[in-house]
Amino acid sequence: MKNENPPNIVITLTRDTYGKNETLGTISLGGHILHTLEPVMRQTDADVSEWKLKGVTAIPTGRYQLNFGPSFRFKKNLLRLKDVPGFTGILIHPGNKWQDTQGCILVGMRRNKNHHVHESVKAVRYIEQVVNTWLWMGSKVSLEVVNGL
C-alpha cells in the first residue's frame, strides 16, 4: 500500500579505490555491503564533454534519481539513473570486471584483489528488490555517488 507521505530515500555509493581502468566502491544497504565497480574516474572541473570517453568513464559525483527502465541489452527492466550530466542509459546491472561496465555501475556481494566483483546477479537482485519495495511504497529513491579515500 502506498504511503501518503513516503520518505525520500538516498542510497550512498562511496568510491574508495581508483585504478588504471576501474573505480571501486561500496553501498551499505539493509545491513549488507554491496561492492561496486565502474569504469575509470576521469572527472575534472571542466565540462563533462571535455573529459568523458563513451563507455569507459565513471559518471560524475552527484545525486541521481533511480527508477526501473528497459534495457535492450539485457532484455528486461533494470535500475536506471536519471539525469546524469553528459551521460545516457546509466544502469545498475550484473558483471564482474571493468570491461563489463560499458559506463554503467556493476554491483557484487564481494570483490577481489584483481578489482573484480563477484556474486553480481545476487547483488543486483537484492538492490532491485529493496528499491522496488521503496518505489512501490511511493518513496523517491536516489543514488548519491561520492568520492571517498
Protein backbone atom coordinates (compact mmCIF):
# COMPACT_ATOMS: atom_id res chain seq x y z
CA MET A 1 0.00 0.00 0.00
CA LYS A 2 1.35 3.41 -0.95
CA ASN A 3 2.17 5.74 1.90
CA GLU A 4 0.60 9.22 1.71
CA ASN A 5 3.83 10.86 2.95
CA PRO A 6 6.59 8.47 1.89
CA PRO A 7 10.14 9.35 2.85
CA ASN A 8 12.72 10.24 0.24
CA ILE A 9 15.40 7.53 0.29
CA VAL A 10 19.06 8.18 -0.51
CA ILE A 11 21.44 5.29 -1.10
CA THR A 12 25.11 6.30 -0.98
CA LEU A 13 27.79 4.80 -3.22
CA THR A 14 31.18 5.67 -1.76
CA ARG A 15 34.10 5.25 -4.13
CA ASP A 16 37.25 4.02 -2.39
CA THR A 17 39.66 2.55 -4.95
CA TYR A 18 40.81 4.27 -8.12
CA GLY A 19 42.58 2.00 -10.60
CA LYS A 20 44.00 2.48 -14.08
CA ASN A 21 40.80 1.24 -15.75
CA GLU A 22 38.29 1.00 -12.92
CA THR A 23 36.74 2.65 -9.88
CA LEU A 24 35.56 0.56 -6.94
CA GLY A 25 33.26 1.46 -4.09
CA THR A 26 30.64 0.24 -1.67
CA ILE A 27 26.96 0.65 -0.96
CA SER A 28 25.64 -0.13 2.52
CA LEU A 29 22.05 -1.29 2.15
CA GLY A 30 19.86 -3.02 4.70
CA GLY A 31 22.76 -4.46 6.67
CA HIS A 32 24.55 -5.70 3.54
CA ILE A 33 27.65 -4.24 1.92
CA LEU A 34 27.44 -4.29 -1.86
CA HIS A 35 30.65 -3.74 -3.80
CA THR A 36 30.54 -1.54 -6.87
CA LEU A 37 32.63 -1.45 -10.00
CA GLU A 38 32.61 1.39 -12.51
CA PRO A 39 34.92 2.48 -15.32
CA VAL A 40 37.85 4.71 -14.50
CA MET A 41 37.05 8.10 -12.98
CA ARG A 42 38.13 10.98 -15.21
CA GLN A 43 36.04 13.76 -13.66
CA THR A 44 37.55 17.23 -13.56
CA ASP A 45 36.14 20.70 -13.02
CA ALA A 46 35.89 21.09 -16.81
CA ASP A 47 32.66 20.47 -18.71
CA VAL A 48 31.81 16.77 -18.90
CA SER A 49 32.15 16.83 -22.69
CA GLU A 50 35.87 17.58 -22.23
CA TRP A 51 36.71 14.51 -20.10
CA LYS A 52 34.12 11.83 -20.87
CA LEU A 53 35.04 8.87 -23.08
CA LYS A 54 31.89 6.91 -24.03
CA GLY A 55 31.55 3.57 -22.25
CA VAL A 56 34.82 3.79 -20.31
CA THR A 57 34.27 6.72 -17.93
CA ALA A 58 32.65 6.73 -14.50
CA ILE A 59 29.73 9.10 -14.03
CA PRO A 60 30.20 12.39 -12.18
CA THR A 61 29.69 12.53 -8.44
CA GLY A 62 26.20 13.68 -7.55
CA ARG A 63 22.71 12.54 -6.62
CA TYR A 64 20.60 10.75 -9.22
CA GLN A 65 17.04 9.53 -9.00
CA LEU A 66 16.58 5.77 -9.51
CA ASN A 67 13.77 4.10 -11.38
CA PHE A 68 13.29 0.98 -13.46
CA GLY A 69 13.53 1.16 -17.22
CA PRO A 70 14.02 -1.17 -20.17
CA SER A 71 17.42 -2.46 -21.15
CA PHE A 72 17.64 -3.67 -24.73
CA ARG A 73 20.96 -5.39 -23.98
CA PHE A 74 19.59 -7.37 -21.03
CA LYS A 75 16.01 -7.60 -22.41
CA LYS A 76 14.37 -6.65 -19.12
CA ASN A 77 13.79 -3.68 -16.82
CA LEU A 78 16.81 -2.67 -14.77
CA LEU A 79 17.60 0.09 -12.29
CA ARG A 80 18.37 3.26 -14.22
CA LEU A 81 19.94 6.54 -13.05
CA LYS A 82 18.10 9.63 -14.29
CA ASP A 83 19.57 12.92 -15.46
CA VAL A 84 23.28 12.14 -15.24
CA PRO A 85 25.01 15.16 -16.83
CA GLY A 86 26.58 14.20 -20.16
CA PHE A 87 25.55 10.53 -19.86
CA THR A 88 22.54 8.49 -21.00
CA GLY A 89 21.39 4.96 -20.28
CA ILE A 90 23.30 4.50 -17.00
CA LEU A 91 22.14 1.24 -15.42
CA ILE A 92 22.93 -0.88 -12.39
CA HIS A 93 23.49 -4.34 -13.84
CA PRO A 94 25.41 -7.60 -13.38
CA GLY A 95 29.02 -8.03 -14.44
CA ASN A 96 32.37 -8.86 -12.95
CA LYS A 97 35.17 -6.75 -14.46
CA TRP A 98 35.58 -3.20 -15.71
CA GLN A 99 35.15 -4.33 -19.33
CA ASP A 100 31.57 -5.39 -18.42
CA THR A 101 30.52 -1.93 -17.23
CA GLN A 102 30.15 -0.13 -20.58
CA GLY A 103 29.87 3.03 -18.49
CA CYS A 104 27.34 1.61 -16.02
CA ILE A 105 27.57 0.55 -12.37
CA LEU A 106 28.12 -3.11 -11.53
CA VAL A 107 27.35 -4.45 -8.05
CA GLY A 108 28.57 -7.60 -6.35
CA MET A 109 28.40 -9.24 -2.95
CA ARG A 110 32.20 -9.27 -2.74
CA ARG A 111 35.31 -8.14 -4.62
CA ASN A 112 38.83 -9.43 -5.01
CA LYS A 113 42.37 -8.04 -5.23
CA ASN A 114 42.11 -8.04 -9.05
CA HIS A 115 39.35 -5.40 -8.82
CA HIS A 116 36.56 -7.76 -9.92
CA VAL A 117 33.17 -8.05 -8.22
CA HIS A 118 31.57 -11.44 -7.60
CA GLU A 119 28.05 -12.76 -7.00
CA SER A 120 26.83 -9.92 -9.14
CA VAL A 121 23.45 -11.38 -10.11
CA LYS A 122 22.67 -11.93 -6.42
CA ALA A 123 23.66 -8.33 -5.58
CA VAL A 124 21.60 -6.88 -8.45
CA ARG A 125 18.55 -8.88 -7.40
CA TYR A 126 18.98 -7.66 -3.82
CA ILE A 127 19.26 -3.95 -4.66
CA GLU A 128 16.39 -4.22 -7.16
CA GLN A 129 14.16 -5.85 -4.54
CA VAL A 130 14.92 -3.18 -1.93
CA VAL A 131 14.49 -0.25 -4.34
CA ASN A 132 11.33 -1.74 -5.86
CA THR A 133 9.78 -2.03 -2.38
CA TRP A 134 10.53 1.62 -1.64
CA LEU A 135 9.18 2.76 -5.01
CA TRP A 136 6.04 0.67 -4.52
CA MET A 137 5.52 2.44 -1.17
CA GLY A 138 5.67 5.76 -3.03
CA SER A 139 9.15 6.88 -1.99
CA LYS A 140 11.52 8.67 -4.32
CA VAL A 141 14.81 6.78 -4.32
CA SER A 142 18.14 8.36 -5.24
CA LEU A 143 21.70 7.13 -5.54
CA GLU A 144 24.30 9.60 -4.26
CA VAL A 145 27.76 8.96 -5.70
CA VAL A 146 30.60 10.35 -3.59
CA ASN A 147 34.38 10.08 -3.75
CA GLY A 148 35.91 8.61 -0.61
CA LEU A 149 39.54 7.98 0.28
